[in-house]
Protein backbone atom coordinates (compact mmCIF):
# COMPACT_ATOMS: atom_id res chain seq x y z
CA ARG A 1 98.93 147.21 178.84
CA ILE A 2 96.27 148.56 176.61
CA GLY A 3 96.43 150.61 173.42
CA LEU A 4 94.33 153.76 173.46
CA LYS A 5 93.62 156.38 170.83
CA VAL A 6 92.85 159.77 172.42
CA GLY A 7 90.52 162.20 170.69
CA VAL A 8 89.94 165.81 171.90
CA ASP A 9 87.19 168.09 170.70
CA ILE A 10 85.09 171.07 171.94
CA ALA A 11 81.38 170.82 171.55
CA GLY A 12 79.11 173.60 172.90
CA GLY A 13 81.87 175.02 175.08
CA VAL A 14 82.50 171.60 176.59
CA LEU A 15 85.85 169.84 176.23
CA VAL A 16 85.18 166.35 174.97
CA VAL A 17 87.85 163.69 175.36
CA THR A 18 87.36 160.26 173.75
CA LEU A 19 89.40 157.18 174.43
CA THR A 20 89.34 154.36 171.85
CA ASP A 21 90.80 150.91 172.38
CA ILE A 22 92.83 150.30 169.20
CA ARG A 23 94.32 146.97 170.09
CA ASP A 24 92.08 145.16 167.53
CA LEU A 25 92.78 147.79 164.86
CA LYS A 26 96.53 147.47 165.28
CA GLY A 27 96.21 143.73 165.22
CA ARG A 28 94.34 143.84 161.95
CA GLU A 29 96.92 146.27 160.50
CA THR A 30 99.76 144.00 161.57
CA LEU A 31 98.00 141.02 160.07
CA PHE A 32 97.42 142.86 156.79
CA ARG A 33 101.08 143.91 156.57
CA SER A 34 102.16 140.37 157.29
CA LEU A 35 99.84 138.96 154.62
CA PHE A 36 101.01 141.62 152.16
CA ASP A 37 104.74 141.78 152.80
CA ASP A 38 105.36 138.05 153.22
CA ASN A 39 102.89 136.84 150.63
CA PRO A 40 104.53 134.66 147.93
CA VAL A 41 102.08 136.11 145.42
CA PRO A 42 103.23 139.42 143.85
CA MET A 43 101.17 142.36 145.20
CA PHE A 44 101.32 146.14 145.06
CA VAL A 45 99.20 149.08 146.17
CA ARG A 46 98.68 152.10 143.93
CA SER A 47 96.84 155.38 144.21
CA GLN A 48 93.45 155.28 142.59
CA SER A 49 93.77 158.87 141.43
CA THR A 50 97.36 159.02 140.16
CA GLY A 51 98.30 155.40 139.58
CA ASN A 52 101.53 155.90 141.51
CA PHE A 53 102.72 152.96 143.55
CA LEU A 54 102.33 153.31 147.32
CA ASN A 55 103.63 149.93 148.42
CA VAL A 56 104.96 146.69 146.97
CA ASN A 57 105.84 143.29 148.41
CA GLU A 58 109.02 141.28 147.92
CA ALA A 59 107.38 138.79 145.56
CA ALA A 60 106.46 141.61 143.15
CA LEU A 61 109.99 143.06 143.31
CA ARG A 62 111.40 139.65 142.38
CA LEU A 63 108.93 139.29 139.51
CA TYR A 64 109.55 142.70 138.00
CA GLY A 65 113.26 142.93 138.85
CA TYR A 66 113.23 146.37 140.53
CA SER A 67 114.57 147.56 143.86
CA ARG A 68 111.91 148.82 146.25
CA SER A 69 112.81 152.49 145.74
CA ASP A 70 112.88 152.18 141.94
CA PHE A 71 109.52 150.46 141.90
CA LEU A 72 107.86 153.01 144.16
CA ASP A 73 109.18 155.83 141.96
CA ARG A 74 107.06 154.48 139.10
CA SER A 75 103.42 154.35 138.22
CA LEU A 76 101.24 151.60 136.80
CA ALA A 77 101.47 153.16 133.32
CA GLU A 78 105.24 152.59 133.29
CA ILE A 79 105.06 148.80 133.73
CA ARG A 80 101.94 148.20 131.66
CA VAL A 81 102.50 147.55 127.94
CA ASP A 82 100.17 149.82 125.96
CA GLY A 83 97.24 148.26 124.16
CA THR A 84 97.66 144.80 125.65
CA THR A 85 94.47 144.36 127.68
CA ILE A 86 93.39 140.95 126.48
CA ARG A 87 90.35 140.38 128.68
CA GLU A 88 88.53 142.29 131.39
CA SER A 89 85.66 140.55 133.14
CA ASP A 90 84.06 142.62 135.86
CA GLY A 91 86.69 145.29 136.36
CA ARG A 92 88.30 143.28 139.15
CA GLU A 93 90.17 140.80 136.94
CA MET A 94 92.19 141.72 133.86
CA VAL A 95 94.59 139.80 131.61
CA LEU A 96 97.36 142.22 130.77
CA ARG A 97 100.94 142.43 129.62
CA HIS A 98 103.52 144.03 131.94
CA ARG A 99 107.14 144.97 131.30
CA THR A 100 109.96 144.03 133.69
CA ALA A 101 113.06 146.04 134.57
CA ASP A 102 115.12 144.23 131.91
CA GLY A 103 112.53 144.80 129.18
CA ARG A 104 110.91 141.37 129.16
CA GLU A 105 107.16 141.24 128.71
CA LEU A 106 104.98 139.18 131.01
CA ASP A 107 101.45 137.96 130.52
CA VAL A 108 99.70 138.47 133.86
CA ILE A 109 96.29 138.33 135.45
CA GLU A 110 95.69 141.31 137.74
CA TYR A 111 93.07 140.99 140.48
CA THR A 112 92.11 144.34 142.03
CA SER A 113 90.23 145.48 145.13
CA GLU A 114 89.82 148.81 146.86
CA THR A 115 91.50 149.66 150.17
CA LEU A 116 92.29 152.74 152.26
CA VAL A 117 95.75 154.15 152.68
CA ASP A 118 96.00 157.22 154.93
CA HIS A 119 92.27 157.74 154.55
CA GLN A 120 92.67 157.79 150.74
CA VAL A 121 91.14 155.23 148.38
CA ALA A 122 93.82 153.01 146.87
CA ILE A 123 93.87 149.90 144.69
CA LEU A 124 95.37 146.65 145.92
CA SER A 125 96.58 144.54 142.97
CA THR A 126 97.37 140.84 143.14
CA ILE A 127 99.43 139.58 140.18
CA VAL A 128 99.47 136.05 138.73
CA ASP A 129 102.23 135.45 136.15
CA ILE A 130 100.76 133.34 133.33
CA THR A 131 103.59 133.85 130.79
CA GLU A 132 104.65 130.20 130.69
CA ARG A 133 101.06 129.06 130.59
CA LYS A 134 100.38 131.33 127.62
CA ARG A 135 103.48 130.04 125.85
CA ALA A 136 102.39 126.47 126.47
CA GLU A 137 98.89 127.26 125.16
CA ALA A 138 100.38 128.95 122.10
CA HIS A 139 102.64 125.96 121.50
CA ILE A 140 99.73 123.56 121.83
CA THR A 141 97.75 125.67 119.37
CA TYR A 142 100.72 125.69 116.99
CA LEU A 143 101.12 121.93 117.22
CA ALA A 144 97.43 121.50 116.53
CA HIS A 145 97.89 123.25 113.19
CA HIS A 146 101.49 122.53 112.17
CA ASP A 147 103.86 119.64 111.70
CA PRO A 148 106.31 119.91 114.62
CA LEU A 149 109.36 118.80 112.58
CA THR A 150 109.01 120.86 109.41
CA GLY A 151 106.71 123.67 110.53
CA LEU A 152 104.43 123.00 107.57
CA ALA A 153 100.67 122.96 107.79
CA ASN A 154 99.32 119.63 109.00
CA ARG A 155 96.41 117.60 107.68
CA THR A 156 93.88 119.60 109.74
CA VAL A 157 94.98 122.94 108.31
CA PHE A 158 95.28 121.46 104.81
CA THR A 159 91.69 120.25 105.00
CA CYS A 160 90.53 123.71 106.15
CA GLU A 161 92.35 125.29 103.20
CA LEU A 162 90.66 122.84 100.86
CA GLU A 163 87.29 123.86 102.27
CA ARG A 164 88.15 127.52 101.64
CA ALA A 165 89.10 126.63 98.08
CA VAL A 166 85.71 124.97 97.61
CA VAL A 167 84.00 128.17 98.77
CA SER A 168 86.11 130.16 96.32
CA LEU A 169 85.18 127.73 93.53
CA LYS A 170 81.49 128.29 94.22
CA GLN A 171 81.92 132.08 94.31
CA ASP A 172 84.14 132.71 91.30
CA GLY A 173 84.43 129.36 89.53
CA ARG A 174 88.19 129.01 90.11
CA ARG A 175 89.37 125.42 89.82
CA PHE A 176 91.99 124.06 92.16
CA GLY A 177 94.21 121.03 92.31
CA VAL A 178 95.92 118.81 94.86
CA VAL A 179 99.38 117.37 94.42
CA LEU A 180 100.38 114.45 96.65
CA ILE A 181 104.10 113.74 96.98
CA ASP A 182 105.66 110.55 98.31
CA LEU A 183 109.43 110.33 98.72
CA ASP A 184 111.07 107.39 96.97
CA ASN A 185 113.63 105.44 99.04
CA PHE A 186 112.95 107.47 102.19
CA LYS A 187 112.56 104.31 104.28
CA THR A 188 115.96 103.14 103.12
CA VAL A 189 117.56 106.40 104.25
CA ASN A 190 115.73 106.23 107.57
CA ASP A 191 116.63 102.60 108.21
CA THR A 192 120.25 102.76 107.14
CA LEU A 193 121.36 106.22 108.28
CA GLY A 194 119.01 106.62 111.25
CA HIS A 195 116.02 108.75 112.14
CA ALA A 196 118.13 111.89 112.60
CA ALA A 197 119.19 111.68 108.96
CA GLY A 198 115.59 111.00 107.94
CA ASP A 199 114.45 114.11 109.81
CA ALA A 200 117.21 116.18 108.19
CA LEU A 201 116.06 114.97 104.78
CA LEU A 202 112.43 115.91 105.51
CA ILE A 203 113.56 119.40 106.52
CA GLU A 204 115.58 119.75 103.30
CA VAL A 205 112.59 118.57 101.25
CA THR A 206 110.42 121.15 103.01
CA ALA A 207 112.84 123.95 102.17
CA ARG A 208 112.87 122.98 98.50
CA LEU A 209 109.09 122.69 98.27
CA LYS A 210 108.67 126.17 99.75
CA GLU A 211 110.97 127.56 97.07
CA LEU A 212 108.96 125.95 94.28
CA VAL A 213 105.43 127.07 95.13
CA ARG A 214 103.57 130.36 94.78
CA LYS A 215 102.59 132.45 97.78
CA THR A 216 98.98 131.36 97.33
CA ASP A 217 99.85 127.64 97.31
CA VAL A 218 99.63 125.68 100.57
CA VAL A 219 102.30 123.08 101.39
CA ALA A 220 101.51 120.50 104.07
CA ARG A 221 103.08 117.41 105.53
CA LEU A 222 100.41 114.76 105.86
CA GLY A 223 102.60 112.32 107.75
CA GLY A 224 105.74 110.22 107.34
CA ASP A 225 107.29 111.02 103.97
CA GLU A 226 104.05 112.21 102.35
CA PHE A 227 103.58 115.87 101.46
CA ALA A 228 100.73 117.72 99.76
CA ILE A 229 100.36 120.96 97.85
CA LEU A 230 97.09 122.79 97.34
CA VAL A 231 97.23 124.71 94.08
CA PRO A 232 94.36 127.25 94.05
CA ALA A 233 93.10 129.25 91.08
CA VAL A 234 94.39 126.87 88.40
CA GLU A 235 94.10 128.21 84.88
CA CYS A 236 95.04 124.97 83.13
CA ARG A 237 96.08 121.46 84.12
CA SER A 238 99.54 121.90 82.64
CA ASP A 239 100.34 124.39 85.41
CA VAL A 240 99.87 121.69 88.02
CA GLU A 241 101.84 119.14 86.03
CA GLU A 242 104.73 121.58 85.52
CA LEU A 243 104.85 122.15 89.28
CA GLY A 244 104.92 118.39 89.82
CA GLN A 245 107.79 117.92 87.39
CA ARG A 246 109.78 120.70 89.09
CA VAL A 247 109.24 119.00 92.43
CA ILE A 248 110.52 115.67 91.06
CA ARG A 249 113.55 117.37 89.52
CA ASP A 250 114.52 119.32 92.62
CA LEU A 251 114.00 116.50 95.10
CA THR A 252 115.89 114.03 92.95
CA ALA A 253 118.80 116.49 93.01
CA ILE A 254 119.25 115.95 96.77
CA ARG A 255 122.44 113.90 96.94
CA LYS A 256 123.62 114.21 100.53
CA VAL A 257 122.14 114.33 104.00
CA ASP A 258 124.27 114.75 107.11
CA GLY A 259 127.34 114.26 104.94
CA ALA A 260 126.23 110.84 103.63
CA GLU A 261 125.47 110.16 99.96
CA ILE A 262 121.87 109.19 99.26
CA VAL A 263 119.62 108.44 96.31
CA ILE A 264 116.20 109.99 96.76
CA GLY A 265 113.32 110.87 94.51
CA ALA A 266 109.61 111.64 94.47
CA SER A 267 106.48 110.07 93.04
CA ILE A 268 103.51 112.38 92.52
CA GLY A 269 99.79 111.94 92.05
CA ALA A 270 97.43 114.82 91.23
CA ALA A 271 93.74 115.52 90.81
CA MET A 272 91.53 118.57 90.36
CA ILE A 273 88.11 119.89 91.31
CA PRO A 274 85.81 119.89 89.41
CA ASP A 275 87.65 117.96 86.67
CA ASP A 276 88.22 114.73 88.62
CA ALA A 277 86.06 115.04 91.74
CA ALA A 278 83.12 116.96 93.17
CA ASP A 279 84.09 117.14 96.84
CA ILE A 280 87.17 117.18 99.05
CA ASP A 281 87.07 113.54 100.14
CA SER A 282 86.78 112.36 96.55
CA LEU A 283 89.54 114.73 95.46
CA LEU A 284 92.00 113.37 98.02
CA LYS A 285 91.04 109.82 97.14
CA CYS A 286 91.62 110.48 93.44
CA ALA A 287 95.00 112.10 94.08
CA ASP A 288 95.99 109.18 96.32
CA LEU A 289 95.06 106.67 93.63
CA ALA A 290 97.13 108.62 91.10
CA LEU A 291 100.05 108.62 93.55
CA TYR A 292 99.79 104.88 93.97
CA ARG A 293 99.87 104.37 90.21
CA ALA A 294 102.90 106.64 89.95
CA LYS A 295 104.77 104.52 92.49
CA GLN A 296 103.68 101.28 90.85
CA SER A 297 104.43 102.21 87.26
CA ASP A 298 107.85 103.73 87.77
CA LYS A 299 109.15 105.70 90.73
CA GLY A 300 110.00 109.31 90.07
CA THR A 301 106.96 109.97 87.90
CA PHE A 302 103.94 112.27 87.83
CA ARG A 303 100.49 110.81 87.29
CA TRP A 304 97.07 112.40 86.92
CA PHE A 305 94.05 110.59 88.24
CA GLU A 306 92.36 108.47 85.58
CA ALA A 307 89.02 106.70 85.58
CA GLY A 308 89.50 103.03 86.42
CA MET A 309 92.26 103.56 88.97
CA ASP A 310 89.85 102.90 91.79
CA MET A 311 89.03 99.46 90.42
CA ARG A 312 92.73 98.58 90.11
CA GLN A 313 93.33 99.74 93.67
CA ARG A 314 90.51 97.56 95.00
CA GLU A 315 91.98 94.63 93.11
CA ARG A 316 95.41 95.28 94.63
CA ARG A 317 93.94 95.44 98.14
CA ALA A 318 92.23 92.11 97.57
CA LEU A 319 95.53 90.61 96.37
CA GLU A 320 97.31 92.00 99.43
CA ILE A 321 94.77 90.39 101.77
CA GLU A 322 95.19 87.03 100.02
CA LEU A 323 98.99 87.35 100.14
CA ARG A 324 98.98 88.09 103.87
CA GLY A 325 96.93 84.96 104.51
CA ALA A 326 98.75 82.72 102.04
CA GLU A 327 100.19 79.42 103.32
CA ILE A 328 103.76 79.57 102.10
CA ASP A 329 104.47 75.81 102.04
CA ARG A 330 101.28 75.05 100.10
CA GLU A 331 100.97 78.02 97.73
CA PHE A 332 104.54 79.02 96.88
CA GLU A 333 107.14 77.19 94.87
CA LEU A 334 110.51 77.82 93.29
CA HIS A 335 111.27 77.73 89.59
CA TYR A 336 114.79 77.63 88.26
CA GLN A 337 116.27 79.28 85.16
CA PRO A 338 119.54 77.94 83.72
CA ILE A 339 122.68 80.10 83.57
CA ILE A 340 124.91 79.24 80.59
CA ARG A 341 128.63 79.87 80.04
CA THR A 342 128.90 81.95 76.87
CA GLN A 343 132.03 80.56 75.28
CA THR A 344 131.57 76.86 76.09
CA GLY A 345 127.79 76.56 76.23
CA LYS A 346 128.10 74.60 79.48
CA LEU A 347 125.64 74.84 82.32
CA ARG A 348 126.97 76.98 85.16
CA GLY A 349 123.95 76.80 87.47
CA PHE A 350 120.44 78.09 88.07
CA GLU A 351 118.74 81.18 89.41
CA ALA A 352 115.93 80.42 91.87
CA LEU A 353 112.76 82.43 91.18
CA LEU A 354 109.73 82.64 93.48
CA ARG A 355 106.31 81.71 92.13
CA TRP A 356 102.86 81.98 93.73
CA HIS A 357 100.12 79.54 92.85
CA ASN A 358 97.06 81.28 94.31
CA PRO A 359 94.18 78.84 94.97
CA ARG A 360 91.63 81.26 93.47
CA ARG A 361 93.65 83.07 90.80
CA GLY A 362 96.09 80.44 89.66
CA MET A 363 99.64 81.57 88.94
CA VAL A 364 100.14 85.21 89.99
CA SER A 365 102.82 87.19 88.17
CA PRO A 366 105.83 88.08 90.35
CA ALA A 367 105.46 91.62 89.00
CA ASP A 368 102.10 91.75 90.79
CA PHE A 369 102.86 90.13 94.14
CA ILE A 370 106.56 90.88 94.78
CA PRO A 371 106.05 94.68 95.22
CA ILE A 372 103.14 94.01 97.60
CA ALA A 373 105.19 91.48 99.55
CA GLU A 374 108.01 94.01 99.81
CA GLU A 375 105.72 96.81 100.99
CA THR A 376 104.01 94.65 103.60
CA GLY A 377 107.20 92.98 104.86
CA LYS A 378 105.94 89.54 103.78
CA LEU A 379 108.96 89.24 101.51
CA ASP A 380 111.23 88.69 104.51
CA GLU A 381 109.34 85.53 105.45
CA LEU A 382 109.10 84.43 101.80
CA GLY A 383 112.80 85.12 101.27
CA ARG A 384 113.85 82.99 104.24
CA TRP A 385 111.63 80.15 103.01
CA ALA A 386 112.93 80.43 99.44
CA LEU A 387 116.58 80.42 100.56
CA ALA A 388 116.14 77.31 102.71
CA VAL A 389 114.24 75.39 100.02
CA ALA A 390 116.59 76.43 97.20
CA CYS A 391 119.69 75.40 99.16
CA ARG A 392 118.11 72.07 100.03
CA GLU A 393 117.26 71.34 96.39
CA ALA A 394 120.59 72.64 95.03
CA ALA A 395 122.46 70.31 97.39
CA THR A 396 121.30 67.42 95.17
CA TRP A 397 122.90 68.95 92.04
CA PRO A 398 126.44 68.32 90.80
CA ARG A 399 128.89 70.21 93.02
CA GLU A 400 130.21 72.37 90.15
CA LEU A 401 126.82 74.04 89.67
CA VAL A 402 125.97 77.32 91.34
CA LEU A 403 122.67 78.39 92.93
CA SER A 404 121.76 82.08 92.55
CA VAL A 405 119.17 83.48 95.00
CA ASN A 406 117.75 87.01 95.10
CA VAL A 407 117.72 88.81 98.45
CA SER A 408 115.56 91.91 98.87
CA PRO A 409 116.22 95.11 100.87
CA VAL A 410 113.49 93.95 103.25
CA GLN A 411 115.66 91.00 104.27
CA PHE A 412 118.53 93.35 105.02
CA ARG A 413 116.30 95.57 107.16
CA LYS A 414 114.46 92.78 108.99
CA GLY A 415 115.86 89.74 110.68
CA ASP A 416 119.33 88.20 110.71
CA LEU A 417 120.27 87.69 107.07
CA VAL A 418 123.74 86.31 107.82
CA GLY A 419 122.23 83.87 110.32
CA THR A 420 119.51 82.91 107.84
CA VAL A 421 122.08 82.13 105.14
CA GLY A 422 124.21 80.19 107.60
CA LEU A 423 121.24 78.08 108.71
CA ALA A 424 120.21 77.39 105.09
CA LEU A 425 123.71 76.20 104.25
CA ALA A 426 124.07 74.10 107.40
CA GLY A 427 120.61 72.58 107.05
CA SER A 428 121.08 71.64 103.41
CA GLY A 429 124.74 70.66 103.23
CA LEU A 430 125.26 73.01 100.26
CA GLU A 431 128.83 74.29 100.02
CA PRO A 432 129.06 78.07 100.60
CA HIS A 433 130.91 78.66 97.28
CA GLN A 434 127.94 77.09 95.47
CA LEU A 435 125.62 79.84 96.72
CA GLU A 436 125.49 83.24 95.02
CA ILE A 437 123.41 85.97 96.66
CA GLU A 438 121.97 88.54 94.25
CA ILE A 439 121.26 92.05 95.50
CA THR A 440 120.00 95.18 93.77
CA GLU A 441 121.38 98.70 94.05
CA SER A 442 118.58 99.64 96.45
CA VAL A 443 120.30 97.56 99.14
CA LEU A 444 123.29 99.90 98.92
CA LEU A 445 121.37 103.16 98.77
CA SER A 446 122.87 105.76 101.07
CA ALA A 447 126.13 103.78 101.04
CA SER A 448 124.86 102.00 104.12
CA SER A 449 127.73 100.92 106.33
CA THR A 450 125.37 98.42 107.98
CA ASN A 451 124.49 96.69 104.72
CA LEU A 452 128.10 96.72 103.55
CA ALA A 453 129.05 95.04 106.82
CA ILE A 454 126.39 92.37 106.21
CA LEU A 455 127.76 91.72 102.70
CA LYS A 456 131.27 91.34 104.10
CA GLN A 457 130.00 88.85 106.68
CA LEU A 458 128.33 86.86 103.89
CA ARG A 459 131.58 86.86 101.95
CA SER A 460 133.40 85.62 105.04
CA LEU A 461 131.09 82.58 105.00
CA GLY A 462 132.39 81.82 101.51
CA VAL A 463 129.21 82.94 99.74
CA ARG A 464 129.46 84.75 96.41
CA ILE A 465 127.78 88.17 95.92
CA ALA A 466 126.31 89.44 92.63
CA LEU A 467 125.04 92.96 91.84
CA ASP A 468 121.80 92.64 89.86
CA ASP A 469 120.53 95.03 87.16
CA PHE A 470 123.90 96.77 86.98
CA ARG A 471 124.07 100.11 85.17
CA THR A 472 126.91 102.49 84.45
CA GLY A 473 125.64 105.44 86.47
CA TYR A 474 127.75 107.18 89.05
CA SER A 475 125.98 105.47 91.96
CA SER A 476 126.51 102.03 90.41
CA LEU A 477 130.20 102.62 89.86
CA SER A 478 130.64 103.94 93.37
CA TYR A 479 129.40 100.63 94.78
CA LEU A 480 132.26 98.81 93.06
CA ARG A 481 134.71 100.92 95.06
CA GLN A 482 133.02 99.97 98.31
CA PHE A 483 132.61 96.21 97.85
CA PRO A 484 134.35 93.52 95.77
CA PHE A 485 131.43 91.85 94.00
CA ASN A 486 131.90 88.46 92.37
CA ARG A 487 129.52 89.15 89.52
CA LEU A 488 127.74 91.96 87.68
CA LYS A 489 124.39 91.16 86.06
CA ILE A 490 123.71 93.42 83.08
CA ASP A 491 120.27 95.03 83.11
CA ARG A 492 117.97 93.21 80.67
CA SER A 493 116.80 96.53 79.16
CA PHE A 494 120.26 96.98 77.60
CA VAL A 495 120.33 93.37 76.35
CA ARG A 496 116.92 93.81 74.73
CA GLU A 497 118.13 96.81 72.71
CA ILE A 498 121.64 95.57 71.98
CA GLY A 499 120.97 94.93 68.30
CA ARG A 500 118.93 98.07 67.64
CA CYS A 501 120.50 100.75 69.80
CA PRO A 502 124.22 101.62 69.54
CA GLU A 503 124.06 103.26 72.98
CA SER A 504 122.85 100.01 74.58
CA LEU A 505 125.65 98.08 72.88
CA ALA A 506 128.16 100.64 74.13
CA ILE A 507 126.87 100.31 77.69
CA VAL A 508 127.00 96.50 77.57
CA ARG A 509 130.55 96.70 76.22
CA ALA A 510 131.52 99.12 78.99
CA VAL A 511 130.09 96.91 81.75
CA ILE A 512 131.84 93.80 80.40
CA GLY A 513 135.09 95.71 80.04
CA LEU A 514 134.80 97.17 83.52
CA GLY A 515 134.14 93.74 84.98
CA ALA A 516 137.12 92.23 83.17
CA SER A 517 139.46 94.98 84.38
CA LEU A 518 138.30 94.46 87.99
CA GLY A 519 138.30 90.68 87.83
CA ILE A 520 134.51 90.52 88.14
CA ASP A 521 132.45 88.07 86.04
CA THR A 522 129.46 89.34 84.03
CA THR A 523 126.08 87.80 83.26
CA ALA A 524 123.60 89.09 80.70
CA GLU A 525 119.94 88.58 81.58
CA GLY A 526 116.97 88.43 79.23
CA VAL A 527 118.70 86.84 76.21
CA GLU A 528 115.90 85.90 73.83
CA THR A 529 117.36 85.89 70.30
CA VAL A 530 120.31 84.37 68.51
CA ALA A 531 121.38 87.89 67.44
CA GLN A 532 121.63 88.93 71.08
CA LEU A 533 123.60 85.76 71.84
CA GLU A 534 126.09 86.43 69.05
CA ALA A 535 126.53 90.08 70.05
CA LEU A 536 127.20 89.13 73.68
CA ARG A 537 129.57 86.36 72.66
CA ALA A 538 131.47 88.85 70.50
CA GLU A 539 131.81 91.18 73.50
CA LYS A 540 133.09 88.25 75.60
CA CYS A 541 130.28 88.36 78.16
CA GLY A 542 130.91 85.61 80.70
CA GLU A 543 127.46 84.07 81.12
CA LEU A 544 123.97 84.23 79.66
CA GLN A 545 120.49 83.72 80.96
CA GLY A 546 117.15 83.98 79.16
CA PHE A 547 114.29 82.34 77.29
CA LEU A 548 116.60 81.54 74.35
CA PHE A 549 118.00 78.73 76.50
CA SER A 550 115.09 77.98 78.81
CA PRO A 551 112.30 79.68 80.73
CA PRO A 552 112.23 79.17 84.49
CA VAL A 553 111.14 75.59 85.17
CA ALA A 554 109.66 73.81 88.17
CA SER A 555 112.06 71.98 90.47
CA GLU A 556 111.07 68.56 89.12
CA SER A 557 112.28 69.59 85.63
CA VAL A 558 115.72 70.72 86.79
CA ALA A 559 117.17 67.20 86.79
CA ALA A 560 116.30 66.78 83.10
CA ILE A 561 118.08 70.02 82.16
CA ILE A 562 121.14 69.03 84.18
CA GLY A 563 121.14 65.61 82.54
CA THR A 564 120.89 67.12 79.06
CA TYR A 565 123.83 69.48 79.53
CA PHE A 566 126.03 66.93 81.25
CA GLU A 567 125.30 64.23 78.67
CA GLU A 568 126.22 66.71 75.93
CA ALA A 569 129.45 67.52 77.75
CA SER A 570 130.24 63.78 78.03
CA ARG A 571 129.71 63.21 74.31
CA LEU A 572 131.96 66.18 73.46
CA ALA A 573 134.62 64.84 75.80
């Protein structure tokens, strides 16, 4: 069988009949229809003159959500979103936006070529759906400029905004400032309540910062718990400082996250161009130095950059390097300060205090190296060493004396504190009731169930627990409901002012009274004068500690102090 096409015509009075073999033509047509209809790529054919659709394949119907009849009743103008041609290269490829039957908009690439349909020129369109690709590209672009958690500008955008501010300064002379914000106690919240709570806190902080700034200010998250605010067009420095104080006030007011009570705050450092620096890098460095000083001097404070901060920072870095490389057994030692019973004057025990004898610097103040050790995590290693050595030395004392050892939040977060205490007791032979662990309120920030569980495990060993630097604030009182402490140590700032400030005396009286009503002993630290001694004795404070009785002494001097007090007790007996 053959396929023929018959043509009849009259030319010059002659009947002309033509026979054409169309087997190849039909084959090509069948192949085209097969490639069109069954193609997984959406395709349609439209009239070049009217734009009406002439044919459509199944893939296109699935993409646009129409039935065949509904689609063919439409024209290209009805599925194309007006004004959305994004790119057109050579007229054969266009990036467009099309609308589906349910109203969704698609980003597509349309490839076009001419064809013939019933001897009429038509346009064959091949469609590539790039909607998800465009969304992914947009998301990548967003992430490149924003913090994914808070949606704030990131460091890249913040730097660009600083550069724009520099241009503005050169054009109209408008000064601008940078405020760096570091959250106080954020690590404690993160470690004790989990990263989800930490993220929730960062989102809450972001919301509050946005409420505090002007529309022209730029808020960014630089990483971790550090935020920054660009304050353009500053009229006077007090405007920046007032913003900083509002930030501290509002962030300190955050009391709960994910239903858990927390204590949070903010330390702030600020600098301005051209007042403090001439370029962006110097400006950020100055603000960072001011932030560091704010955190070092007293958390929850605002500090401007000051000349000389850079030198202090270099000195701190040098100290940190030396501390990291310090040989604990050779460079560190323990000193002991006596604890005296108020009413009898008898020796109750000693508090072990860490000292660093630096080979180059000599004795380094604990106020200088303890914060660095805590920040770097070195304090965990130092704390384990101090506990083992103190227990070993205290095991040689009379059994009625107590050893008091400070334990930092770092030791709660890192390592096995209960195991460390157990090993120190077992290795030294010290009785558990002779050991008193001192903790500060920061250990109990966020009412950490984990840390409370650790304290209960320590108590189950027979170890005593003291709360150091106790105050009468709400958070301090709430801790007494959660854990039965053996001892409250009154903050030395109240003891120092007890003779001059009626409020300090009232607070000391309240702490002693509270302790007595709960069956908790009290110790006053920092007793330096006879007047302070008499005032504390009159208030019936249980124990005293301070330079009035003895400064901290090296371990070899402890035996002499013990001998003096016990000989005195023997004579009185």
